[in-house]
Amino acid sequence: MGLRCFIVDDSTDFLDAARSRLESDGVTVVGVASTIDEALARLDGAEPDVVLVDVNLGSESGLDLARRIQIETNVDPAQVVLISTHAAEDLIDLVESVPAAALLSKTALSGDALRRILDDR
């Protein structure tokens, strides 16, 4: 069975690009959301293997969403991968306090990158 992914990002352009990239890598995108409320409402029914969460969700925080996913859904924090356009070293202090498997640069996003992260957990 292939990898199932849910993507949370406030940019519709990025959602479209990420879906296209991941699907070309054999990943099934089972859902997308642009806000915390949308993500929490859609996650449980989607049954993803991995949830990509943008660190910066416009006026909302992806870090807050990662914390809420742990409490409010049946998604394991080890299935959450934070994504950002910022360099990982710039965010490491913030990210270490969040229940997530990893932080991945948006430019490095691929099916193989997600599989490696999930294999290492």
PDB file of N, CA and C in Angstrom:
ATOM      1  N   MET A   1       0.839  -1.182   0.000  1.00  0.00           N
ATOM      2  CA  MET A   1       0.000   0.000   0.000  1.00  0.00           C
ATOM      3  C   MET A   1       0.881   1.240   0.000  1.00  0.00           C
ATOM      4  N   GLY A   2       0.507   2.271  -0.759  1.00  0.00           N
ATOM      5  CA  GLY A   2       1.286   3.489  -0.877  1.00  0.00           C
ATOM      6  C   GLY A   2       1.127   4.410   0.320  1.00  0.00           C
ATOM      7  N   LEU A   3       1.967   5.390   0.354  1.00  0.00           N
ATOM      8  CA  LEU A   3       1.970   6.397   1.412  1.00  0.00           C
ATOM      9  C   LEU A   3       0.790   7.345   1.225  1.00  0.00           C
ATOM     10  N   ARG A   4       0.078   7.628   2.331  1.00  0.00           N
ATOM     11  CA  ARG A   4      -1.075   8.522   2.319  1.00  0.00           C
ATOM     12  C   ARG A   4      -0.717   9.795   3.071  1.00  0.00           C
ATOM     13  N   CYS A   5      -0.912  10.946   2.427  1.00  0.00           N
ATOM     14  CA  CYS A   5      -0.464  12.220   2.974  1.00  0.00           C
ATOM     15  C   CYS A   5      -1.594  13.233   3.050  1.00  0.00           C
ATOM     16  N   PHE A   6      -1.594  14.020   4.122  1.00  0.00           N
ATOM     17  CA  PHE A   6      -2.520  15.140   4.308  1.00  0.00           C
ATOM     18  C   PHE A   6      -1.653  16.389   4.404  1.00  0.00           C
ATOM     19  N   ILE A   7      -2.013  17.461   3.688  1.00  0.00           N
ATOM     20  CA  ILE A   7      -1.186  18.665   3.646  1.00  0.00           C
ATOM     21  C   ILE A   7      -1.953  19.850   4.222  1.00  0.00           C
ATOM     22  N   VAL A   8      -1.293  20.591   5.130  1.00  0.00           N
ATOM     23  CA  VAL A   8      -1.884  21.798   5.701  1.00  0.00           C
ATOM     24  C   VAL A   8      -0.962  22.974   5.377  1.00  0.00           C
ATOM     25  N   ASP A   9      -1.471  23.900   4.571  1.00  0.00           N
ATOM     26  CA  ASP A   9      -0.703  25.078   4.179  1.00  0.00           C
ATOM     27  C   ASP A   9      -1.686  26.162   3.774  1.00  0.00           C
ATOM     28  N   ASP A  10      -1.384  27.410   4.090  1.00  0.00           N
ATOM     29  CA  ASP A  10      -2.304  28.496   3.763  1.00  0.00           C
ATOM     30  C   ASP A  10      -2.175  28.975   2.319  1.00  0.00           C
ATOM     31  N   SER A  11      -1.196  28.492   1.582  1.00  0.00           N
ATOM     32  CA  SER A  11      -0.997  28.889   0.186  1.00  0.00           C
ATOM     33  C   SER A  11      -1.615  27.845  -0.755  1.00  0.00           C
ATOM     34  N   THR A  12      -2.627  28.261  -1.507  1.00  0.00           N
ATOM     35  CA  THR A  12      -3.230  27.331  -2.460  1.00  0.00           C
ATOM     36  C   THR A  12      -2.240  26.953  -3.558  1.00  0.00           C
ATOM     37  N   ASP A  13      -1.356  27.882  -3.918  1.00  0.00           N
ATOM     38  CA  ASP A  13      -0.326  27.555  -4.914  1.00  0.00           C
ATOM     39  C   ASP A  13       0.581  26.443  -4.409  1.00  0.00           C
ATOM     40  N   PHE A  14       0.990  26.529  -3.130  1.00  0.00           N
ATOM     41  CA  PHE A  14       1.845  25.480  -2.585  1.00  0.00           C
ATOM     42  C   PHE A  14       1.078  24.165  -2.466  1.00  0.00           C
ATOM     43  N   LEU A  15      -0.176  24.223  -2.041  1.00  0.00           N
ATOM     44  CA  LEU A  15      -0.972  22.996  -1.934  1.00  0.00           C
ATOM     45  C   LEU A  15      -1.042  22.284  -3.281  1.00  0.00           C
ATOM     46  N   ASP A  16      -1.276  23.043  -4.340  1.00  0.00           N
ATOM     47  CA  ASP A  16      -1.348  22.454  -5.676  1.00  0.00           C
ATOM     48  C   ASP A  16       0.004  21.872  -6.097  1.00  0.00           C
ATOM     49  N   ALA A  17       1.085  22.628  -5.864  1.00  0.00           N
ATOM     50  CA  ALA A  17       2.425  22.172  -6.251  1.00  0.00           C
ATOM     51  C   ALA A  17       2.846  20.946  -5.451  1.00  0.00           C
ATOM     52  N   ALA A  18       2.563  20.961  -4.149  1.00  0.00           N
ATOM     53  CA  ALA A  18       2.940  19.826  -3.291  1.00  0.00           C
ATOM     54  C   ALA A  18       2.154  18.580  -3.680  1.00  0.00           C
ATOM     55  N   ARG A  19       0.863  18.736  -3.928  1.00  0.00           N
ATOM     56  CA  ARG A  19       0.037  17.596  -4.348  1.00  0.00           C
ATOM     57  C   ARG A  19       0.603  16.998  -5.631  1.00  0.00           C
ATOM     58  N   SER A  20       0.886  17.851  -6.602  1.00  0.00           N
ATOM     59  CA  SER A  20       1.414  17.382  -7.881  1.00  0.00           C
ATOM     60  C   SER A  20       2.750  16.666  -7.700  1.00  0.00           C
ATOM     61  N   ARG A  21       3.639  17.264  -6.914  1.00  0.00           N
ATOM     62  CA  ARG A  21       4.962  16.665  -6.695  1.00  0.00           C
ATOM     63  C   ARG A  21       4.841  15.311  -6.006  1.00  0.00           C
ATOM     64  N   LEU A  22       4.070  15.270  -4.930  1.00  0.00           N
ATOM     65  CA  LEU A  22       3.955  14.035  -4.165  1.00  0.00           C
ATOM     66  C   LEU A  22       3.251  12.943  -4.976  1.00  0.00           C
ATOM     67  N   GLU A  23       2.191  13.296  -5.684  1.00  0.00           N
ATOM     68  CA  GLU A  23       1.492  12.289  -6.476  1.00  0.00           C
ATOM     69  C   GLU A  23       2.385  11.741  -7.581  1.00  0.00           C
ATOM     70  N   SER A  24       3.267  12.575  -8.136  1.00  0.00           N
ATOM     71  CA  SER A  24       4.200  12.074  -9.150  1.00  0.00           C
ATOM     72  C   SER A  24       5.235  11.134  -8.536  1.00  0.00           C
ATOM     73  N   ASP A  25       5.410  11.225  -7.209  1.00  0.00           N
ATOM     74  CA  ASP A  25       6.319  10.331  -6.473  1.00  0.00           C
ATOM     75  C   ASP A  25       5.590   9.118  -5.893  1.00  0.00           C
ATOM     76  N   GLY A  26       4.324   8.921  -6.266  1.00  0.00           N
ATOM     77  CA  GLY A  26       3.580   7.758  -5.804  1.00  0.00           C
ATOM     78  C   GLY A  26       2.899   7.919  -4.463  1.00  0.00           C
ATOM     79  N   VAL A  27       2.800   9.132  -3.952  1.00  0.00           N
ATOM     80  CA  VAL A  27       2.135   9.403  -2.685  1.00  0.00           C
ATOM     81  C   VAL A  27       0.691   9.808  -2.978  1.00  0.00           C
ATOM     82  N   THR A  28      -0.246   9.256  -2.229  1.00  0.00           N
ATOM     83  CA  THR A  28      -1.645   9.626  -2.364  1.00  0.00           C
ATOM     84  C   THR A  28      -1.956  10.764  -1.404  1.00  0.00           C
ATOM     85  N   VAL A  29      -2.407  11.883  -1.928  1.00  0.00           N
ATOM     86  CA  VAL A  29      -2.802  13.008  -1.078  1.00  0.00           C
ATOM     87  C   VAL A  29      -4.270  12.800  -0.720  1.00  0.00           C
ATOM     88  N   VAL A  30      -4.525  12.525   0.568  1.00  0.00           N
ATOM     89  CA  VAL A  30      -5.872  12.176   1.020  1.00  0.00           C
ATOM     90  C   VAL A  30      -6.656  13.373   1.533  1.00  0.00           C
ATOM     91  N   GLY A  31      -6.012  14.528   1.569  1.00  0.00           N
ATOM     92  CA  GLY A  31      -6.721  15.719   2.003  1.00  0.00           C
ATOM     93  C   GLY A  31      -5.793  16.895   2.121  1.00  0.00           C
ATOM     94  N   VAL A  32      -6.411  18.078   2.081  1.00  0.00           N
ATOM     95  CA  VAL A  32      -5.676  19.324   2.272  1.00  0.00           C
ATOM     96  C   VAL A  32      -6.519  20.240   3.140  1.00  0.00           C
ATOM     97  N   ALA A  33      -5.841  21.186   3.774  1.00  0.00           N
ATOM     98  CA  ALA A  33      -6.516  22.204   4.578  1.00  0.00           C
ATOM     99  C   ALA A  33      -5.646  23.446   4.591  1.00  0.00           C
ATOM    100  N   SER A  34      -6.292  24.590   4.818  1.00  0.00           N
ATOM    101  CA  SER A  34      -5.573  25.856   4.850  1.00  0.00           C
ATOM    102  C   SER A  34      -5.562  26.509   6.222  1.00  0.00           C
ATOM    103  N   THR A  35      -6.393  26.002   7.135  1.00  0.00           N
ATOM    104  CA  THR A  35      -6.477  26.573   8.484  1.00  0.00           C
ATOM    105  C   THR A  35      -6.440  25.452   9.524  1.00  0.00           C
ATOM    106  N   ILE A  36      -6.233  25.843  10.752  1.00  0.00           N
ATOM    107  CA  ILE A  36      -6.231  24.881  11.852  1.00  0.00           C
ATOM    108  C   ILE A  36      -7.591  24.189  11.955  1.00  0.00           C
ATOM    109  N   ASP A  37      -8.653  24.970  11.916  1.00  0.00           N
ATOM    110  CA  ASP A  37      -9.993  24.381  12.054  1.00  0.00           C
ATOM    111  C   ASP A  37     -10.299  23.397  10.929  1.00  0.00           C
ATOM    112  N   GLU A  38      -9.949  23.753   9.691  1.00  0.00           N
ATOM    113  CA  GLU A  38     -10.161  22.834   8.570  1.00  0.00           C
ATOM    114  C   GLU A  38      -9.370  21.549   8.769  1.00  0.00           C
ATOM    115  N   ALA A  39      -8.127  21.689   9.173  1.00  0.00           N
ATOM    116  CA  ALA A  39      -7.271  20.508   9.352  1.00  0.00           C
ATOM    117  C   ALA A  39      -7.849  19.582  10.410  1.00  0.00           C
ATOM    118  N   LEU A  40      -8.212  20.125  11.547  1.00  0.00           N
ATOM    119  CA  LEU A  40      -8.729  19.288  12.627  1.00  0.00           C
ATOM    120  C   LEU A  40     -10.048  18.624  12.236  1.00  0.00           C
ATOM    121  N   ALA A  41     -10.864  19.315  11.467  1.00  0.00           N
ATOM    122  CA  ALA A  41     -12.150  18.759  11.046  1.00  0.00           C
ATOM    123  C   ALA A  41     -11.976  17.628  10.036  1.00  0.00           C
ATOM    124  N   ARG A  42     -10.940  17.694   9.214  1.00  0.00           N
ATOM    125  CA  ARG A  42     -10.771  16.733   8.123  1.00  0.00           C
ATOM    126  C   ARG A  42      -9.794  15.595   8.408  1.00  0.00           C
ATOM    127  N   LEU A  43      -8.955  15.742   9.400  1.00  0.00           N
ATOM    128  CA  LEU A  43      -7.867  14.780   9.601  1.00  0.00           C
ATOM    129  C   LEU A  43      -8.321  13.371   9.953  1.00  0.00           C
ATOM    130  N   ASP A  44      -9.169  13.224  10.931  1.00  0.00           N
ATOM    131  CA  ASP A  44      -9.530  11.877  11.397  1.00  0.00           C
ATOM    132  C   ASP A  44     -10.105  11.010  10.295  1.00  0.00           C
ATOM    133  N   GLY A  45     -10.952  11.531   9.480  1.00  0.00           N
ATOM    134  CA  GLY A  45     -11.549  10.749   8.413  1.00  0.00           C
ATOM    135  C   GLY A  45     -10.592  10.431   7.274  1.00  0.00           C
ATOM    136  N   ALA A  46      -9.513  11.186   7.186  1.00  0.00           N
ATOM    137  CA  ALA A  46      -8.572  11.011   6.083  1.00  0.00           C
ATOM    138  C   ALA A  46      -7.635   9.819   6.277  1.00  0.00           C
ATOM    139  N   GLU A  47      -7.370   9.447   7.501  1.00  0.00           N
ATOM    140  CA  GLU A  47      -6.468   8.341   7.845  1.00  0.00           C
ATOM    141  C   GLU A  47      -5.113   8.428   7.128  1.00  0.00           C
ATOM    142  N   PRO A  48      -4.406   9.563   7.308  1.00  0.00           N
ATOM    143  CA  PRO A  48      -3.109   9.718   6.639  1.00  0.00           C
ATOM    144  C   PRO A  48      -2.001   8.941   7.341  1.00  0.00           C
ATOM    145  N   ASP A  49      -0.963   8.622   6.570  1.00  0.00           N
ATOM    146  CA  ASP A  49       0.267   8.066   7.141  1.00  0.00           C
ATOM    147  C   ASP A  49       1.185   9.185   7.612  1.00  0.00           C
ATOM    148  N   VAL A  50       1.056  10.342   6.961  1.00  0.00           N
ATOM    149  CA  VAL A  50       1.881  11.496   7.300  1.00  0.00           C
ATOM    150  C   VAL A  50       1.061  12.762   7.089  1.00  0.00           C
ATOM    151  N   VAL A  51       1.267  13.739   7.985  1.00  0.00           N
ATOM    152  CA  VAL A  51       0.597  15.031   7.891  1.00  0.00           C
ATOM    153  C   VAL A  51       1.674  16.102   7.763  1.00  0.00           C
ATOM    154  N   LEU A  52       1.651  16.818   6.648  1.00  0.00           N
ATOM    155  CA  LEU A  52       2.569  17.936   6.449  1.00  0.00           C
ATOM    156  C   LEU A  52       1.905  19.185   6.990  1.00  0.00           C
ATOM    157  N   VAL A  53       2.596  19.899   7.875  1.00  0.00           N
ATOM    158  CA  VAL A  53       2.042  21.098   8.492  1.00  0.00           C
ATOM    159  C   VAL A  53       3.012  22.255   8.286  1.00  0.00           C
ATOM    160  N   ASP A  54       2.562  23.282   7.568  1.00  0.00           N
ATOM    161  CA  ASP A  54       3.379  24.474   7.389  1.00  0.00           C
ATOM    162  C   ASP A  54       3.545  25.161   8.749  1.00  0.00           C
ATOM    163  N   VAL A  55       4.763  25.550   9.060  1.00  0.00           N
ATOM    164  CA  VAL A  55       5.044  26.221  10.331  1.00  0.00           C
ATOM    165  C   VAL A  55       4.269  27.530  10.418  1.00  0.00           C
ATOM    166  N   ASN A  56       4.167  28.241   9.307  1.00  0.00           N
ATOM    167  CA  ASN A  56       3.481  29.530   9.276  1.00  0.00           C
ATOM    168  C   ASN A  56       2.205  29.402   8.461  1.00  0.00           C
ATOM    169  N   LEU A  57       1.082  29.374   9.135  1.00  0.00           N
ATOM    170  CA  LEU A  57      -0.224  29.255   8.472  1.00  0.00           C
ATOM    171  C   LEU A  57      -0.901  30.618   8.398  1.00  0.00           C
ATOM    172  N   GLY A  58      -0.240  31.585   7.816  1.00  0.00           N
ATOM    173  CA  GLY A  58      -0.800  32.937   7.736  1.00  0.00           C
ATOM    174  C   GLY A  58      -0.899  33.540   9.117  1.00  0.00           C
ATOM    175  N   SER A  59      -2.105  33.818   9.551  1.00  0.00           N
ATOM    176  CA  SER A  59      -2.291  34.405  10.885  1.00  0.00           C
ATOM    177  C   SER A  59      -2.304  33.347  11.990  1.00  0.00           C
ATOM    178  N   GLU A  60      -2.209  32.076  11.611  1.00  0.00           N
ATOM    179  CA  GLU A  60      -2.205  30.978  12.576  1.00  0.00           C
ATOM    180  C   GLU A  60      -0.818  30.332  12.633  1.00  0.00           C
ATOM    181  N   SER A  61      -0.617  29.508  13.633  1.00  0.00           N
ATOM    182  CA  SER A  61       0.669  28.841  13.811  1.00  0.00           C
ATOM    183  C   SER A  61       0.557  27.343  13.555  1.00  0.00           C
ATOM    184  N   GLY A  62       1.387  26.841  12.651  1.00  0.00           N
ATOM    185  CA  GLY A  62       1.449  25.406  12.424  1.00  0.00           C
ATOM    186  C   GLY A  62       1.970  24.670  13.643  1.00  0.00           C
ATOM    187  N   LEU A  63       2.764  25.349  14.462  1.00  0.00           N
ATOM    188  CA  LEU A  63       3.256  24.725  15.700  1.00  0.00           C
ATOM    189  C   LEU A  63       2.090  24.469  16.646  1.00  0.00           C
ATOM    190  N   ASP A  64       1.162  25.432  16.733  1.00  0.00           N
ATOM    191  CA  ASP A  64      -0.043  25.222  17.540  1.00  0.00           C
ATOM    192  C   ASP A  64      -0.862  24.056  16.984  1.00  0.00           C
ATOM    193  N   LEU A  65      -0.964  23.985  15.668  1.00  0.00           N
ATOM    194  CA  LEU A  65      -1.710  22.871  15.060  1.00  0.00           C
ATOM    195  C   LEU A  65      -1.061  21.542  15.403  1.00  0.00           C
ATOM    196  N   ALA A  66       0.253  21.449  15.337  1.00  0.00           N
ATOM    197  CA  ALA A  66       0.933  20.193  15.664  1.00  0.00           C
ATOM    198  C   ALA A  66       0.620  19.765  17.095  1.00  0.00           C
ATOM    199  N   ARG A  67       0.599  20.712  18.008  1.00  0.00           N
ATOM    200  CA  ARG A  67       0.250  20.390  19.409  1.00  0.00           C
ATOM    201  C   ARG A  67      -1.203  19.906  19.512  1.00  0.00           C
ATOM    202  N   ARG A  68      -2.096  20.573  18.791  1.00  0.00           N
ATOM    203  CA  ARG A  68      -3.509  20.207  18.841  1.00  0.00           C
ATOM    204  C   ARG A  68      -3.770  18.859  18.173  1.00  0.00           C
ATOM    205  N   ILE A  69      -3.025  18.540  17.129  1.00  0.00           N
ATOM    206  CA  ILE A  69      -3.178  17.234  16.475  1.00  0.00           C
ATOM    207  C   ILE A  69      -2.945  16.127  17.485  1.00  0.00           C
ATOM    208  N   GLN A  70      -1.928  16.290  18.328  1.00  0.00           N
ATOM    209  CA  GLN A  70      -1.609  15.281  19.340  1.00  0.00           C
ATOM    210  C   GLN A  70      -2.765  15.084  20.310  1.00  0.00           C
ATOM    211  N   ILE A  71      -3.446  16.146  20.656  1.00  0.00           N
ATOM    212  CA  ILE A  71      -4.503  16.103  21.667  1.00  0.00           C
ATOM    213  C   ILE A  71      -5.874  15.780  21.074  1.00  0.00           C
ATOM    214  N   GLU A  72      -6.175  16.336  19.905  1.00  0.00           N
ATOM    215  CA  GLU A  72      -7.541  16.324  19.393  1.00  0.00           C
ATOM    216  C   GLU A  72      -7.821  15.331  18.266  1.00  0.00           C
ATOM    217  N   THR A  73      -6.813  14.592  17.806  1.00  0.00           N
ATOM    218  CA  THR A  73      -7.058  13.649  16.713  1.00  0.00           C
ATOM    219  C   THR A  73      -6.457  12.291  17.051  1.00  0.00           C
ATOM    220  N   ASN A  74      -6.691  11.334  16.175  1.00  0.00           N
ATOM    221  CA  ASN A  74      -6.096  10.014  16.360  1.00  0.00           C
ATOM    222  C   ASN A  74      -4.776   9.882  15.604  1.00  0.00           C
ATOM    223  N   VAL A  75      -4.225  11.001  15.123  1.00  0.00           N
ATOM    224  CA  VAL A  75      -2.956  11.005  14.410  1.00  0.00           C
ATOM    225  C   VAL A  75      -1.810  11.013  15.412  1.00  0.00           C
ATOM    226  N   ASP A  76      -0.880  10.092  15.249  1.00  0.00           N
ATOM    227  CA  ASP A  76       0.304  10.006  16.103  1.00  0.00           C
ATOM    228  C   ASP A  76       1.243  11.164  15.772  1.00  0.00           C
ATOM    229  N   PRO A  77       1.820  11.849  16.775  1.00  0.00           N
ATOM    230  CA  PRO A  77       2.763  12.935  16.495  1.00  0.00           C
ATOM    231  C   PRO A  77       3.945  12.499  15.618  1.00  0.00           C
ATOM    232  N   ALA A  78       4.287  11.227  15.643  1.00  0.00           N
ATOM    233  CA  ALA A  78       5.374  10.726  14.799  1.00  0.00           C
ATOM    234  C   ALA A  78       4.989  10.736  13.320  1.00  0.00           C
ATOM    235  N   GLN A  79       3.726  11.022  13.020  1.00  0.00           N
ATOM    236  CA  GLN A  79       3.263  11.114  11.639  1.00  0.00           C
ATOM    237  C   GLN A  79       3.248  12.558  11.143  1.00  0.00           C
ATOM    238  N   VAL A  80       3.563  13.512  12.021  1.00  0.00           N
ATOM    239  CA  VAL A  80       3.523  14.927  11.671  1.00  0.00           C
ATOM    240  C   VAL A  80       4.907  15.379  11.219  1.00  0.00           C
ATOM    241  N   VAL A  81       4.964  15.999  10.048  1.00  0.00           N
ATOM    242  CA  VAL A  81       6.200  16.575   9.533  1.00  0.00           C
ATOM    243  C   VAL A  81       5.943  18.053   9.295  1.00  0.00           C
ATOM    244  N   LEU A  82       6.693  18.884   9.987  1.00  0.00           N
ATOM    245  CA  LEU A  82       6.583  20.323   9.799  1.00  0.00           C
ATOM    246  C   LEU A  82       7.317  20.710   8.523  1.00  0.00           C
ATOM    247  N   ILE A  83       6.771  21.662   7.785  1.00  0.00           N
ATOM    248  CA  ILE A  83       7.413  22.145   6.562  1.00  0.00           C
ATOM    249  C   ILE A  83       7.537  23.661   6.642  1.00  0.00           C
ATOM    250  N   SER A  84       8.562  24.188   5.989  1.00  0.00           N
ATOM    251  CA  SER A  84       8.778  25.632   6.027  1.00  0.00           C
ATOM    252  C   SER A  84       9.675  26.070   4.890  1.00  0.00           C
ATOM    253  N   THR A  85       9.553  27.333   4.533  1.00  0.00           N
ATOM    254  CA  THR A  85      10.484  27.929   3.579  1.00  0.00           C
ATOM    255  C   THR A  85      11.726  28.429   4.298  1.00  0.00           C
ATOM    256  N   HIS A  86      11.662  28.540   5.617  1.00  0.00           N
ATOM    257  CA  HIS A  86      12.799  29.006   6.409  1.00  0.00           C
ATOM    258  C   HIS A  86      13.791  27.874   6.640  1.00  0.00           C
ATOM    259  N   ALA A  87      15.035  28.221   6.848  1.00  0.00           N
ATOM    260  CA  ALA A  87      16.077  27.236   7.132  1.00  0.00           C
ATOM    261  C   ALA A  87      15.793  26.554   8.466  1.00  0.00           C
ATOM    262  N   ALA A  88      16.035  25.258   8.520  1.00  0.00           N
ATOM    263  CA  ALA A  88      15.767  24.472   9.731  1.00  0.00           C
ATOM    264  C   ALA A  88      16.503  25.037  10.943  1.00  0.00           C
ATOM    265  N   GLU A  89      17.741  25.467  10.753  1.00  0.00           N
ATOM    266  CA  GLU A  89      18.513  25.978  11.885  1.00  0.00           C
ATOM    267  C   GLU A  89      17.896  27.244  12.477  1.00  0.00           C
ATOM    268  N   ASP A  90      17.120  27.990  11.680  1.00  0.00           N
ATOM    269  CA  ASP A  90      16.456  29.181  12.187  1.00  0.00           C
ATOM    270  C   ASP A  90      15.251  28.841  13.063  1.00  0.00           C
ATOM    271  N   LEU A  91      14.739  27.639  12.926  1.00  0.00           N
ATOM    272  CA  LEU A  91      13.518  27.243  13.640  1.00  0.00           C
ATOM    273  C   LEU A  91      13.735  26.146  14.669  1.00  0.00           C
ATOM    274  N   ILE A  92      14.942  25.647  14.789  1.00  0.00           N
ATOM    275  CA  ILE A  92      15.186  24.448  15.594  1.00  0.00           C
ATOM    276  C   ILE A  92      14.709  24.578  17.039  1.00  0.00           C
ATOM    277  N   ASP A  93      14.909  25.734  17.666  1.00  0.00           N
ATOM    278  CA  ASP A  93      14.467  25.906  19.053  1.00  0.00           C
ATOM    279  C   ASP A  93      12.955  25.804  19.179  1.00  0.00           C
ATOM    280  N   LEU A  94      12.234  26.387  18.238  1.00  0.00           N
ATOM    281  CA  LEU A  94      10.774  26.301  18.266  1.00  0.00           C
ATOM    282  C   LEU A  94      10.283  24.885  18.000  1.00  0.00           C
ATOM    283  N   VAL A  95      10.879  24.257  17.033  1.00  0.00           N
ATOM    284  CA  VAL A  95      10.427  22.945  16.586  1.00  0.00           C
ATOM    285  C   VAL A  95      10.699  21.854  17.618  1.00  0.00           C
ATOM    286  N   GLU A  96      11.766  21.970  18.379  1.00  0.00           N
ATOM    287  CA  GLU A  96      12.096  20.941  19.373  1.00  0.00           C
ATOM    288  C   GLU A  96      11.018  20.788  20.437  1.00  0.00           C
ATOM    289  N   SER A  97      10.228  21.826  20.656  1.00  0.00           N
ATOM    290  CA  SER A  97       9.185  21.765  21.688  1.00  0.00           C
ATOM    291  C   SER A  97       7.842  21.269  21.143  1.00  0.00           C
ATOM    292  N   VAL A  98       7.806  20.892  19.876  1.00  0.00           N
ATOM    293  CA  VAL A  98       6.556  20.504  19.223  1.00  0.00           C
ATOM    294  C   VAL A  98       6.543  18.999  18.947  1.00  0.00           C
ATOM    295  N   PRO A  99       5.397  18.344  19.173  1.00  0.00           N
ATOM    296  CA  PRO A  99       5.301  16.912  18.868  1.00  0.00           C
ATOM    297  C   PRO A  99       5.230  16.665  17.362  1.00  0.00           C
ATOM    298  N   ALA A 100       6.389  16.426  16.776  1.00  0.00           N
ATOM    299  CA  ALA A 100       6.470  16.169  15.332  1.00  0.00           C
ATOM    300  C   ALA A 100       7.685  15.304  15.056  1.00  0.00           C
ATOM    301  N   ALA A 101       7.642  14.581  13.940  1.00  0.00           N
ATOM    302  CA  ALA A 101       8.739  13.685  13.578  1.00  0.00           C
ATOM    303  C   ALA A 101       9.945  14.437  13.054  1.00  0.00           C
ATOM    304  N   ALA A 102       9.706  15.542  12.328  1.00  0.00           N
ATOM    305  CA  ALA A 102      10.818  16.238  11.681  1.00  0.00           C
ATOM    306  C   ALA A 102      10.364  17.588  11.155  1.00  0.00           C
ATOM    307  N   LEU A 103      11.360  18.355  10.727  1.00  0.00           N
ATOM    308  CA  LEU A 103      11.139  19.596   9.990  1.00  0.00           C
ATOM    309  C   LEU A 103      11.772  19.415   8.625  1.00  0.00           C
ATOM    310  N   LEU A 104      11.020  19.715   7.575  1.00  0.00           N
ATOM    311  CA  LEU A 104      11.488  19.531   6.210  1.00  0.00           C
ATOM    312  C   LEU A 104      11.319  20.829   5.445  1.00  0.00           C
ATOM    313  N   SER A 105      12.349  21.229   4.724  1.00  0.00           N
ATOM    314  CA  SER A 105      12.257  22.392   3.861  1.00  0.00           C
ATOM    315  C   SER A 105      11.273  22.098   2.735  1.00  0.00           C
ATOM    316  N   LYS A 106      10.478  23.092   2.372  1.00  0.00           N
ATOM    317  CA  LYS A 106       9.520  22.903   1.279  1.00  0.00           C
ATOM    318  C   LYS A 106      10.240  22.558  -0.021  1.00  0.00           C
ATOM    319  N   THR A 107      11.437  23.084  -0.198  1.00  0.00           N
ATOM    320  CA  THR A 107      12.171  22.795  -1.431  1.00  0.00           C
ATOM    321  C   THR A 107      12.672  21.355  -1.477  1.00  0.00           C
ATOM    322  N   ALA A 108      12.759  20.694  -0.328  1.00  0.00           N
ATOM    323  CA  ALA A 108      13.231  19.310  -0.264  1.00  0.00           C
ATOM    324  C   ALA A 108      12.077  18.305  -0.242  1.00  0.00           C
ATOM    325  N   LEU A 109      10.852  18.802  -0.328  1.00  0.00           N
ATOM    326  CA  LEU A 109       9.683  17.927  -0.250  1.00  0.00           C
ATOM    327  C   LEU A 109       9.646  16.950  -1.418  1.00  0.00           C
ATOM    328  N   SER A 110       9.537  15.680  -1.087  1.00  0.00           N
ATOM    329  CA  SER A 110       9.384  14.624  -2.090  1.00  0.00           C
ATOM    330  C   SER A 110       8.841  13.392  -1.391  1.00  0.00           C
ATOM    331  N   GLY A 111       8.358  12.461  -2.170  1.00  0.00           N
ATOM    332  CA  GLY A 111       7.898  11.197  -1.605  1.00  0.00           C
ATOM    333  C   GLY A 111       9.030  10.469  -0.915  1.00  0.00           C
ATOM    334  N   ASP A 112      10.212  10.465  -1.517  1.00  0.00           N
ATOM    335  CA  ASP A 112      11.366   9.793  -0.913  1.00  0.00           C
ATOM    336  C   ASP A 112      11.749  10.433   0.415  1.00  0.00           C
ATOM    337  N   ALA A 113      11.720  11.763   0.483  1.00  0.00           N
ATOM    338  CA  ALA A 113      12.061  12.450   1.734  1.00  0.00           C
ATOM    339  C   ALA A 113      11.085  12.053   2.841  1.00  0.00           C
ATOM    340  N   LEU A 114       9.799  11.977   2.521  1.00  0.00           N
ATOM    341  CA  LEU A 114       8.807  11.579   3.528  1.00  0.00           C
ATOM    342  C   LEU A 114       9.006  10.134   3.953  1.00  0.00           C
ATOM    343  N   ARG A 115       9.290   9.267   3.009  1.00  0.00           N
ATOM    344  CA  ARG A 115       9.521   7.855   3.355  1.00  0.00           C
ATOM    345  C   ARG A 115      10.731   7.711   4.279  1.00  0.00           C
ATOM    346  N   ARG A 116      11.809   8.459   4.000  1.00  0.00           N
ATOM    347  CA  ARG A 116      12.991   8.403   4.878  1.00  0.00           C
ATOM    348  C   ARG A 116      12.668   8.861   6.285  1.00  0.00           C
ATOM    349  N   ILE A 117      11.916   9.941   6.402  1.00  0.00           N
ATOM    350  CA  ILE A 117      11.537  10.454   7.732  1.00  0.00           C
ATOM    351  C   ILE A 117      10.716   9.397   8.474  1.00  0.00           C
ATOM    352  N   LEU A 118       9.739   8.823   7.821  1.00  0.00           N
ATOM    353  CA  LEU A 118       8.888   7.836   8.469  1.00  0.00           C
ATOM    354  C   LEU A 118       9.652   6.562   8.814  1.00  0.00           C
ATOM    355  N   ASP A 119      10.617   6.177   7.983  1.00  0.00           N
ATOM    356  CA  ASP A 119      11.425   4.995   8.264  1.00  0.00           C
ATOM    357  C   ASP A 119      12.343   5.206   9.462  1.00  0.00           C
ATOM    358  N   ASP A 120      12.746   6.459   9.712  1.00  0.00           N
ATOM    359  CA  ASP A 120      13.684   6.769  10.807  1.00  0.00           C
ATOM    360  C   ASP A 120      13.002   6.935  12.150  1.00  0.00           C
ATOM    361  N   ARG A 121      11.700   6.980  12.187  1.00  0.00           N
ATOM    362  CA  ARG A 121      11.039   7.234  13.484  1.00  0.00           C
ATOM    363  C   ARG A 121      10.995   6.040  14.366  1.00  0.00           C
TER     364      ARG A 121
END
